[in-house]
């Protein structure tokens, strides 16, 4: 029992480290946060699929903290008020990255469940960023230059969708390839609780 706890803790630490390194490889970066990365969320999704939602949420929360601290200097430079800053850190970091732990929701359904869980988790992250764009960023006056901001909902959807939709597509393609490999399928298969 003790060895299994150590194993899932070590696997979680490795996946957080891998996801953090991949998050630093940015294909495209937007001015007020958000970027397309090199499959940075996939290690956390894999962990949640293997170990379940409970452990997946715990590890994804640690990943959320790491992402928040990695970006904290940049976020502080945006000149947000104290309340806006706290709301930003909650919705754009703690909630947005923690929901990736829901990737294991259909973990017992095979590859189709793994892919569906991954898509759902990443759509939940998009929903968190969307809510942040509607409730926080519009009131902070930090809007994407050159975009018609009369419709806050459309603005938030376009801004956040411009990096999250490609991120979701790349992550699903990476997941399908990875989950299809017989060498890794055995390692990804959900652990027995």
Protein backbone atom coordinates (compact mmCIF):
# COMPACT_ATOMS: atom_id res chain seq x y z
CA UNK A 1 0.00 0.00 0.00
CA UNK A 2 2.77 2.43 0.93
CA UNK A 3 4.64 1.69 -2.31
CA UNK A 4 1.53 2.39 -4.41
CA UNK A 5 1.10 5.78 -2.71
CA UNK A 6 4.74 6.62 -3.37
CA UNK A 7 4.33 5.49 -6.99
CA UNK A 8 1.33 7.71 -7.72
CA UNK A 9 3.00 10.66 -5.98
CA UNK A 10 6.18 10.21 -8.02
CA UNK A 11 4.20 9.77 -11.25
CA UNK A 12 2.25 12.92 -10.40
CA UNK A 13 5.43 14.90 -9.79
CA UNK A 14 6.93 13.66 -13.06
CA UNK A 15 3.78 14.58 -15.00
CA UNK A 16 3.63 18.06 -13.42
CA UNK A 17 7.29 18.60 -14.31
CA UNK A 18 6.79 17.35 -17.88
CA UNK A 19 3.66 19.46 -18.36
CA UNK A 20 5.46 22.52 -16.97
CA UNK A 21 8.41 22.11 -19.32
CA UNK A 22 6.07 21.60 -22.29
CA UNK A 23 4.14 24.74 -21.28
CA UNK A 24 7.32 26.77 -21.75
CA UNK A 25 7.47 25.73 -25.43
CA UNK A 26 5.06 28.27 -26.86
CA UNK A 27 4.01 28.09 -30.50
CA UNK A 28 1.96 31.30 -30.20
CA UNK A 29 1.40 33.74 -27.33
CA UNK A 30 -1.37 36.32 -26.93
CA UNK A 31 -0.80 39.75 -25.31
CA UNK A 32 -3.11 39.34 -22.27
CA UNK A 33 -2.31 35.73 -21.49
CA UNK A 34 -2.99 32.49 -23.24
CA UNK A 35 -0.78 30.60 -25.63
CA UNK A 36 -0.61 27.53 -27.81
CA UNK A 37 1.94 25.16 -26.31
CA UNK A 38 3.51 21.84 -27.19
CA UNK A 39 0.89 19.47 -25.73
CA UNK A 40 1.43 20.84 -22.23
CA UNK A 41 -1.87 19.57 -20.80
CA UNK A 42 -1.53 16.02 -22.10
CA UNK A 43 0.66 14.69 -19.25
CA UNK A 44 -1.93 15.81 -16.68
CA UNK A 45 -4.73 14.24 -18.75
CA UNK A 46 -2.78 10.98 -18.95
CA UNK A 47 -2.23 11.00 -15.20
CA UNK A 48 -5.95 11.53 -14.53
CA UNK A 49 -6.87 8.74 -16.94
CA UNK A 50 -4.49 6.36 -15.23
CA UNK A 51 -5.25 7.26 -11.60
CA UNK A 52 -8.78 8.67 -11.64
CA UNK A 53 -10.42 12.02 -11.10
CA UNK A 54 -9.54 12.40 -7.41
CA UNK A 55 -5.81 12.01 -7.87
CA UNK A 56 -6.05 13.77 -11.24
CA UNK A 57 -7.58 16.85 -9.62
CA UNK A 58 -4.92 16.84 -6.90
CA UNK A 59 -2.09 16.70 -9.45
CA UNK A 60 -3.76 19.22 -11.75
CA UNK A 61 -4.14 21.60 -8.78
CA UNK A 62 -0.38 21.38 -8.19
CA UNK A 63 0.10 22.03 -11.91
CA UNK A 64 -2.21 25.06 -11.60
CA UNK A 65 -0.05 26.45 -8.80
CA UNK A 66 3.11 25.92 -10.87
CA UNK A 67 1.56 27.68 -13.88
CA UNK A 68 0.39 30.54 -11.69
CA UNK A 69 3.85 31.06 -10.21
CA UNK A 70 5.54 30.75 -13.62
CA UNK A 71 3.33 33.54 -15.01
CA UNK A 72 2.99 35.65 -11.85
CA UNK A 73 5.57 38.25 -12.88
CA UNK A 74 3.84 38.83 -16.19
CA UNK A 75 0.37 38.93 -14.60
CA UNK A 76 1.54 41.47 -12.01
CA UNK A 77 2.86 43.71 -14.82
CA UNK A 78 -0.63 44.09 -16.31
CA UNK A 79 -1.65 46.72 -13.75
CA UNK A 80 -4.75 44.95 -12.46
CA UNK A 81 -6.55 46.08 -9.33
CA UNK A 82 -6.26 43.82 -6.28
CA UNK A 83 -9.74 42.31 -6.76
CA UNK A 84 -9.23 41.81 -10.49
CA UNK A 85 -5.84 40.22 -9.86
CA UNK A 86 -7.30 37.75 -7.34
CA UNK A 87 -10.19 36.90 -9.69
CA UNK A 88 -7.72 36.44 -12.56
CA UNK A 89 -5.52 34.11 -10.52
CA UNK A 90 -8.56 32.09 -9.48
CA UNK A 91 -10.31 31.75 -12.86
CA UNK A 92 -7.37 31.90 -15.27
CA UNK A 93 -5.05 29.71 -13.23
CA UNK A 94 -6.40 27.77 -10.25
CA UNK A 95 -9.75 26.77 -11.76
CA UNK A 96 -8.63 26.66 -15.40
CA UNK A 97 -5.73 24.29 -14.83
CA UNK A 98 -7.30 22.23 -12.03
CA UNK A 99 -10.24 21.15 -14.22
CA UNK A 100 -7.77 19.26 -16.43
CA UNK A 101 -8.00 16.58 -13.74
CA UNK A 102 -11.46 15.70 -15.04
CA UNK A 103 -9.83 13.98 -18.05
CA UNK A 104 -10.23 10.67 -16.23
CA UNK A 105 -14.01 10.89 -16.11
CA UNK A 106 -14.46 8.08 -18.66
CA UNK A 107 -11.20 6.30 -17.92
CA UNK A 108 -12.80 2.83 -17.81
CA UNK A 109 -14.30 3.21 -21.32
CA UNK A 110 -11.13 2.53 -23.29
CA UNK A 111 -9.57 4.79 -25.86
CA UNK A 112 -12.88 6.47 -26.82
CA UNK A 113 -13.43 7.35 -23.14
CA UNK A 114 -9.87 8.60 -22.78
CA UNK A 115 -10.28 10.93 -25.75
CA UNK A 116 -13.75 12.08 -24.61
CA UNK A 117 -12.44 12.77 -21.10
CA UNK A 118 -9.51 14.73 -22.50
CA UNK A 119 -11.81 16.84 -24.69
CA UNK A 120 -14.21 17.49 -21.79
CA UNK A 121 -11.38 18.53 -19.47
CA UNK A 122 -9.92 20.94 -22.02
CA UNK A 123 -13.36 22.37 -22.82
CA UNK A 124 -13.81 23.00 -19.08
CA UNK A 125 -10.54 24.91 -19.14
CA UNK A 126 -11.82 26.95 -22.09
CA UNK A 127 -15.04 27.63 -20.16
CA UNK A 128 -13.04 28.96 -17.20
CA UNK A 129 -11.04 31.31 -19.43
CA UNK A 130 -14.25 32.35 -21.20
CA UNK A 131 -15.89 33.22 -17.87
CA UNK A 132 -12.79 35.18 -16.89
CA UNK A 133 -12.92 37.13 -20.14
CA UNK A 134 -16.57 38.00 -19.64
CA UNK A 135 -16.49 38.85 -15.93
CA UNK A 136 -12.97 40.09 -15.29
CA UNK A 137 -11.13 41.29 -18.37
CA UNK A 138 -13.89 43.44 -19.79
CA UNK A 139 -14.21 45.30 -16.49
CA UNK A 140 -10.43 45.64 -16.24
CA UNK A 141 -10.34 47.35 -19.64
CA UNK A 142 -7.64 44.96 -20.86
CA UNK A 143 -9.04 44.00 -24.21
CA UNK A 144 -7.45 42.76 -27.39
CA UNK A 145 -6.54 45.75 -29.57
CA UNK A 146 -8.32 45.99 -32.89
CA UNK A 147 -11.26 43.79 -31.87
CA UNK A 148 -14.84 45.05 -31.59
CA UNK A 149 -15.45 44.77 -27.86
CA UNK A 150 -19.12 45.79 -27.87
CA UNK A 151 -20.12 42.15 -27.31
CA UNK A 152 -18.14 40.90 -24.31
CA UNK A 153 -19.26 37.29 -24.82
CA UNK A 154 -18.13 37.20 -28.43
CA UNK A 155 -14.88 38.94 -27.54
CA UNK A 156 -14.10 36.42 -24.80
CA UNK A 157 -15.02 33.48 -27.01
CA UNK A 158 -12.84 34.69 -29.90
CA UNK A 159 -9.88 35.68 -27.70
CA UNK A 160 -9.83 32.52 -25.59
CA UNK A 161 -10.88 30.28 -28.46
CA UNK A 162 -8.00 31.60 -30.58
CA UNK A 163 -5.50 29.70 -28.44
CA UNK A 164 -7.63 27.07 -26.67
CA UNK A 165 -9.25 25.56 -29.78
CA UNK A 166 -5.86 24.87 -31.44
CA UNK A 167 -4.55 23.66 -28.07
CA UNK A 168 -7.50 21.24 -27.79
CA UNK A 169 -7.05 20.02 -31.37
CA UNK A 170 -3.31 19.46 -30.93
CA UNK A 171 -3.85 17.74 -27.58
CA UNK A 172 -6.48 15.39 -29.04
CA UNK A 173 -4.24 14.53 -32.01
CA UNK A 174 -1.34 13.89 -29.62
CA UNK A 175 -3.61 11.81 -27.37
CA UNK A 176 -4.89 9.69 -30.26
CA UNK A 177 -1.36 9.00 -31.45
CA UNK A 178 -0.07 8.27 -27.96
CA UNK A 179 -3.06 6.17 -26.90
CA UNK A 180 -2.80 4.13 -30.13
CA UNK A 181 0.77 3.02 -29.54
CA UNK A 182 0.83 -0.49 -28.07
CA UNK A 183 4.00 0.34 -26.14
CA UNK A 184 2.30 3.16 -24.23
CA UNK A 185 -1.24 1.82 -24.09
CA UNK A 186 -0.22 -0.61 -21.35
CA UNK A 187 1.35 2.20 -19.32
CA UNK A 188 -1.63 4.54 -19.75
CA UNK A 189 -4.28 1.95 -18.89
CA UNK A 190 -6.12 3.00 -15.74
CA UNK A 191 -4.58 1.75 -12.55
CA UNK A 192 -6.66 -0.46 -10.32
CA UNK A 193 -8.02 1.49 -7.37
